[in-house]
Amino acid sequence: MFLPVNDASATDLNRRGSHWSFLLVDRRVRGRLVAYHYDSVLGYNDRFAATIAERVGANLQDAPISQQRNEYDCGVFVVDGTRALVSRLAAGPQPDLNLRNLVVDRRAL
């Protein structure tokens, strides 16, 4: 299961959020969910990812993803990272979940 993570506030309409990351919730081991947090700005959405992981009953783990070099490509990292993981998960039972070498392509969106 893929879940988007954003720093927006549910109660303060003026805080609409400024950064996206995502969780991959691994349900392969019954009764032991693991949520891998992919954040292209390390640490930015940690608190929000922890809240979501807790709500779904998963153990939170940081996952490697390449880091963005500007202030606006976080959405591209979410889309391309999700696309890469879906391809890997579809390919077999032991997917490589490391996105440290992910190359994003804004033109592909």
N, C-alpha and C. Protein backbone atom coordinates (compact mmCIF):
# COMPACT_ATOMS: atom_id res chain seq x y z
N MET A 1 0.85 -1.16 0.00
CA MET A 1 0.00 0.00 0.00
C MET A 1 0.90 1.24 0.00
N PHE A 2 0.60 2.18 -0.88
CA PHE A 2 1.32 3.45 -0.96
C PHE A 2 0.47 4.54 -0.34
N LEU A 3 1.08 5.36 0.51
CA LEU A 3 0.37 6.46 1.15
C LEU A 3 1.15 7.75 0.99
N PRO A 4 0.50 8.81 0.52
CA PRO A 4 1.19 10.09 0.42
C PRO A 4 1.33 10.71 1.81
N VAL A 5 2.39 11.49 1.98
CA VAL A 5 2.65 12.19 3.24
C VAL A 5 2.84 13.66 2.89
N ASN A 6 2.17 14.54 3.65
CA ASN A 6 2.29 15.98 3.43
C ASN A 6 2.27 16.68 4.77
N ASP A 7 2.89 17.84 4.85
CA ASP A 7 2.96 18.60 6.09
C ASP A 7 1.80 19.57 6.26
N ALA A 8 0.71 19.36 5.55
CA ALA A 8 -0.46 20.23 5.68
C ALA A 8 -1.15 20.00 7.02
N SER A 9 -1.91 20.98 7.44
CA SER A 9 -2.65 20.89 8.70
C SER A 9 -4.11 20.57 8.40
N ALA A 10 -4.67 19.64 9.16
CA ALA A 10 -6.08 19.30 9.00
C ALA A 10 -6.98 20.33 9.68
N THR A 11 -6.42 21.11 10.59
CA THR A 11 -7.23 22.06 11.35
C THR A 11 -6.96 23.52 10.98
N ASP A 12 -5.81 23.82 10.42
CA ASP A 12 -5.45 25.19 10.05
C ASP A 12 -5.44 25.30 8.53
N LEU A 13 -6.48 25.90 7.98
CA LEU A 13 -6.61 25.98 6.52
C LEU A 13 -5.53 26.84 5.87
N ASN A 14 -4.82 27.64 6.65
CA ASN A 14 -3.74 28.45 6.10
C ASN A 14 -2.46 27.65 5.93
N ARG A 15 -2.37 26.49 6.56
CA ARG A 15 -1.20 25.62 6.40
C ARG A 15 -1.55 24.50 5.43
N ARG A 16 -1.37 24.77 4.16
CA ARG A 16 -1.76 23.83 3.11
C ARG A 16 -0.69 22.81 2.78
N GLY A 17 0.46 22.95 3.37
CA GLY A 17 1.54 22.00 3.13
C GLY A 17 2.49 22.49 2.06
N SER A 18 3.75 22.11 2.21
CA SER A 18 4.75 22.57 1.26
C SER A 18 5.66 21.44 0.77
N HIS A 19 5.47 20.23 1.28
CA HIS A 19 6.38 19.15 0.89
C HIS A 19 5.66 17.81 0.89
N TRP A 20 5.93 17.01 -0.13
CA TRP A 20 5.36 15.67 -0.27
C TRP A 20 6.45 14.62 -0.13
N SER A 21 6.12 13.52 0.51
CA SER A 21 6.93 12.31 0.56
C SER A 21 5.92 11.15 0.52
N PHE A 22 6.38 9.91 0.68
CA PHE A 22 5.41 8.82 0.65
C PHE A 22 5.86 7.64 1.50
N LEU A 23 4.87 6.83 1.87
CA LEU A 23 5.11 5.59 2.62
C LEU A 23 4.75 4.41 1.74
N LEU A 24 5.57 3.37 1.81
CA LEU A 24 5.23 2.07 1.26
C LEU A 24 4.98 1.18 2.46
N VAL A 25 3.76 0.70 2.62
CA VAL A 25 3.43 -0.18 3.74
C VAL A 25 3.54 -1.61 3.26
N ASP A 26 4.49 -2.33 3.84
CA ASP A 26 4.77 -3.72 3.49
C ASP A 26 3.92 -4.62 4.37
N ARG A 27 3.02 -5.39 3.74
CA ARG A 27 2.13 -6.28 4.48
C ARG A 27 2.45 -7.75 4.22
N ARG A 28 3.68 -8.03 3.76
CA ARG A 28 4.03 -9.42 3.42
C ARG A 28 4.09 -10.33 4.63
N VAL A 29 4.48 -9.81 5.79
CA VAL A 29 4.53 -10.62 7.01
C VAL A 29 3.26 -10.33 7.81
N ARG A 30 2.41 -11.32 7.88
CA ARG A 30 1.12 -11.14 8.54
C ARG A 30 1.30 -10.71 9.99
N GLY A 31 0.60 -9.67 10.38
CA GLY A 31 0.65 -9.21 11.76
C GLY A 31 1.85 -8.32 12.07
N ARG A 32 2.71 -8.07 11.08
CA ARG A 32 3.88 -7.22 11.32
C ARG A 32 4.07 -6.27 10.14
N LEU A 33 3.32 -5.17 10.15
CA LEU A 33 3.40 -4.19 9.08
C LEU A 33 4.63 -3.32 9.25
N VAL A 34 5.27 -3.02 8.13
CA VAL A 34 6.41 -2.10 8.12
C VAL A 34 6.10 -1.00 7.13
N ALA A 35 6.25 0.26 7.55
CA ALA A 35 6.03 1.41 6.67
C ALA A 35 7.39 2.01 6.35
N TYR A 36 7.77 1.98 5.08
CA TYR A 36 9.03 2.57 4.63
C TYR A 36 8.75 4.00 4.18
N HIS A 37 9.45 4.95 4.78
CA HIS A 37 9.23 6.35 4.46
C HIS A 37 10.30 6.85 3.49
N TYR A 38 9.86 7.28 2.32
CA TYR A 38 10.73 7.82 1.28
C TYR A 38 10.55 9.34 1.25
N ASP A 39 11.59 10.07 1.64
CA ASP A 39 11.50 11.52 1.71
C ASP A 39 12.70 12.13 0.99
N SER A 40 12.44 12.87 -0.06
CA SER A 40 13.52 13.46 -0.86
C SER A 40 14.17 14.67 -0.19
N VAL A 41 13.67 15.06 0.97
CA VAL A 41 14.33 16.04 1.85
C VAL A 41 14.35 15.39 3.22
N LEU A 42 15.46 14.73 3.53
CA LEU A 42 15.54 13.92 4.75
C LEU A 42 15.06 14.67 5.98
N GLY A 43 14.16 14.03 6.70
CA GLY A 43 13.68 14.56 7.96
C GLY A 43 12.51 15.52 7.87
N TYR A 44 12.20 16.02 6.69
CA TYR A 44 11.18 17.06 6.58
C TYR A 44 9.81 16.57 7.04
N ASN A 45 9.39 15.41 6.58
CA ASN A 45 8.06 14.90 6.91
C ASN A 45 8.08 13.77 7.94
N ASP A 46 9.14 13.65 8.70
CA ASP A 46 9.26 12.54 9.66
C ASP A 46 8.08 12.47 10.63
N ARG A 47 7.72 13.59 11.21
CA ARG A 47 6.64 13.58 12.20
C ARG A 47 5.31 13.15 11.57
N PHE A 48 5.05 13.64 10.37
CA PHE A 48 3.80 13.31 9.69
C PHE A 48 3.77 11.83 9.26
N ALA A 49 4.92 11.33 8.80
CA ALA A 49 5.02 9.91 8.43
C ALA A 49 4.82 9.02 9.65
N ALA A 50 5.37 9.42 10.79
CA ALA A 50 5.22 8.64 12.02
C ALA A 50 3.76 8.56 12.44
N THR A 51 3.05 9.66 12.29
CA THR A 51 1.62 9.69 12.65
C THR A 51 0.83 8.73 11.76
N ILE A 52 1.10 8.76 10.46
CA ILE A 52 0.37 7.88 9.54
C ILE A 52 0.72 6.43 9.80
N ALA A 53 2.00 6.12 10.00
CA ALA A 53 2.41 4.74 10.28
C ALA A 53 1.74 4.23 11.54
N GLU A 54 1.68 5.06 12.55
CA GLU A 54 1.03 4.65 13.81
C GLU A 54 -0.45 4.37 13.58
N ARG A 55 -1.10 5.20 12.78
CA ARG A 55 -2.54 5.01 12.52
C ARG A 55 -2.84 3.72 11.77
N VAL A 56 -1.91 3.27 10.92
CA VAL A 56 -2.15 2.01 10.21
C VAL A 56 -1.54 0.82 10.94
N GLY A 57 -0.90 1.07 12.09
CA GLY A 57 -0.34 0.00 12.90
C GLY A 57 0.96 -0.57 12.36
N ALA A 58 1.78 0.28 11.73
CA ALA A 58 3.01 -0.19 11.12
C ALA A 58 4.24 0.35 11.85
N ASN A 59 5.30 -0.42 11.81
CA ASN A 59 6.60 -0.01 12.33
C ASN A 59 7.26 0.87 11.27
N LEU A 60 7.61 2.11 11.62
CA LEU A 60 8.16 3.06 10.66
C LEU A 60 9.66 2.86 10.47
N GLN A 61 10.10 2.86 9.20
CA GLN A 61 11.51 2.75 8.85
C GLN A 61 11.81 3.80 7.78
N ASP A 62 12.95 4.47 7.92
CA ASP A 62 13.40 5.37 6.84
C ASP A 62 13.87 4.51 5.68
N ALA A 63 13.59 4.95 4.48
CA ALA A 63 14.02 4.22 3.28
C ALA A 63 14.87 5.15 2.42
N PRO A 64 15.90 4.61 1.80
CA PRO A 64 16.79 5.45 0.99
C PRO A 64 16.14 5.90 -0.32
N ILE A 65 16.25 7.19 -0.57
CA ILE A 65 15.80 7.76 -1.84
C ILE A 65 16.75 8.91 -2.16
N SER A 66 17.02 9.13 -3.44
CA SER A 66 17.89 10.24 -3.80
C SER A 66 17.25 11.55 -3.32
N GLN A 67 18.08 12.55 -3.11
CA GLN A 67 17.62 13.80 -2.52
C GLN A 67 17.44 14.87 -3.60
N GLN A 68 16.36 15.62 -3.47
CA GLN A 68 16.11 16.68 -4.44
C GLN A 68 17.08 17.84 -4.21
N ARG A 69 17.36 18.54 -5.29
CA ARG A 69 18.35 19.63 -5.24
C ARG A 69 17.71 21.00 -5.36
N ASN A 70 16.40 21.04 -5.25
CA ASN A 70 15.70 22.32 -5.32
C ASN A 70 14.54 22.27 -4.33
N GLU A 71 13.70 23.29 -4.35
CA GLU A 71 12.59 23.38 -3.39
C GLU A 71 11.25 22.99 -3.98
N TYR A 72 11.23 22.40 -5.18
CA TYR A 72 9.93 22.18 -5.81
C TYR A 72 9.74 20.82 -6.47
N ASP A 73 10.69 19.93 -6.46
CA ASP A 73 10.55 18.65 -7.15
C ASP A 73 10.05 17.50 -6.28
N CYS A 74 9.56 17.77 -5.08
CA CYS A 74 9.15 16.67 -4.20
C CYS A 74 8.05 15.82 -4.82
N GLY A 75 7.10 16.44 -5.52
CA GLY A 75 6.03 15.68 -6.17
C GLY A 75 6.55 14.76 -7.25
N VAL A 76 7.55 15.21 -7.98
CA VAL A 76 8.16 14.38 -9.02
C VAL A 76 8.84 13.17 -8.38
N PHE A 77 9.50 13.39 -7.24
CA PHE A 77 10.13 12.28 -6.54
C PHE A 77 9.09 11.27 -6.05
N VAL A 78 7.94 11.75 -5.59
CA VAL A 78 6.87 10.84 -5.16
C VAL A 78 6.37 10.01 -6.34
N VAL A 79 6.09 10.66 -7.45
CA VAL A 79 5.56 9.94 -8.62
C VAL A 79 6.59 8.97 -9.18
N ASP A 80 7.81 9.43 -9.42
CA ASP A 80 8.83 8.55 -9.99
C ASP A 80 9.26 7.46 -9.02
N GLY A 81 9.32 7.77 -7.73
CA GLY A 81 9.65 6.75 -6.73
C GLY A 81 8.58 5.68 -6.65
N THR A 82 7.32 6.10 -6.67
CA THR A 82 6.21 5.14 -6.65
C THR A 82 6.25 4.27 -7.90
N ARG A 83 6.47 4.89 -9.04
CA ARG A 83 6.55 4.15 -10.31
C ARG A 83 7.67 3.10 -10.26
N ALA A 84 8.84 3.49 -9.75
CA ALA A 84 9.97 2.56 -9.68
C ALA A 84 9.67 1.41 -8.73
N LEU A 85 9.07 1.70 -7.58
CA LEU A 85 8.77 0.64 -6.63
C LEU A 85 7.69 -0.31 -7.15
N VAL A 86 6.67 0.21 -7.81
CA VAL A 86 5.63 -0.65 -8.38
C VAL A 86 6.23 -1.61 -9.40
N SER A 87 7.13 -1.11 -10.24
CA SER A 87 7.79 -1.98 -11.23
C SER A 87 8.58 -3.08 -10.53
N ARG A 88 9.31 -2.70 -9.49
CA ARG A 88 10.12 -3.69 -8.76
C ARG A 88 9.26 -4.70 -8.03
N LEU A 89 8.17 -4.25 -7.43
CA LEU A 89 7.29 -5.17 -6.71
C LEU A 89 6.61 -6.14 -7.66
N ALA A 90 6.27 -5.67 -8.86
CA ALA A 90 5.63 -6.53 -9.86
C ALA A 90 6.59 -7.56 -10.43
N ALA A 91 7.89 -7.29 -10.35
CA ALA A 91 8.89 -8.17 -10.96
C ALA A 91 9.18 -9.43 -10.15
N GLY A 92 8.93 -9.41 -8.86
CA GLY A 92 9.25 -10.61 -8.09
C GLY A 92 9.07 -10.45 -6.60
N PRO A 93 9.28 -11.55 -5.87
CA PRO A 93 9.00 -11.58 -4.43
C PRO A 93 10.03 -10.85 -3.55
N GLN A 94 11.23 -10.62 -4.03
CA GLN A 94 12.28 -9.97 -3.24
C GLN A 94 12.71 -8.66 -3.90
N PRO A 95 11.84 -7.65 -3.93
CA PRO A 95 12.18 -6.42 -4.63
C PRO A 95 13.25 -5.61 -3.90
N ASP A 96 14.02 -4.86 -4.67
CA ASP A 96 14.98 -3.92 -4.12
C ASP A 96 14.22 -2.64 -3.81
N LEU A 97 14.12 -2.29 -2.53
CA LEU A 97 13.36 -1.11 -2.12
C LEU A 97 14.22 0.13 -1.98
N ASN A 98 15.46 0.05 -2.39
CA ASN A 98 16.40 1.16 -2.29
C ASN A 98 16.23 2.09 -3.49
N LEU A 99 15.91 3.35 -3.22
CA LEU A 99 15.75 4.34 -4.29
C LEU A 99 16.84 5.40 -4.24
N ARG A 100 17.95 5.07 -3.61
CA ARG A 100 19.04 6.03 -3.47
C ARG A 100 19.54 6.53 -4.83
N ASN A 101 19.46 5.71 -5.85
CA ASN A 101 19.94 6.10 -7.18
C ASN A 101 18.81 6.47 -8.14
N LEU A 102 17.65 6.79 -7.60
CA LEU A 102 16.51 7.17 -8.42
C LEU A 102 16.85 8.44 -9.22
N VAL A 103 16.57 8.38 -10.51
CA VAL A 103 16.73 9.55 -11.37
C VAL A 103 15.33 10.00 -11.76
N VAL A 104 14.97 11.22 -11.39
CA VAL A 104 13.63 11.72 -11.68
C VAL A 104 13.62 12.43 -13.03
N ASP A 105 12.45 12.40 -13.66
CA ASP A 105 12.29 13.01 -14.98
C ASP A 105 11.02 13.84 -14.98
N ARG A 106 11.14 15.15 -14.82
CA ARG A 106 9.97 16.02 -14.79
C ARG A 106 9.24 16.04 -16.12
N ARG A 107 9.91 15.72 -17.20
CA ARG A 107 9.26 15.72 -18.51
C ARG A 107 8.32 14.54 -18.69
N ALA A 108 8.46 13.50 -17.86
CA ALA A 108 7.64 12.31 -18.01
C ALA A 108 6.26 12.48 -17.40
N LEU A 109 6.04 13.54 -16.65
CA LEU A 109 4.73 13.74 -15.99
C LEU A 109 3.71 14.35 -16.90
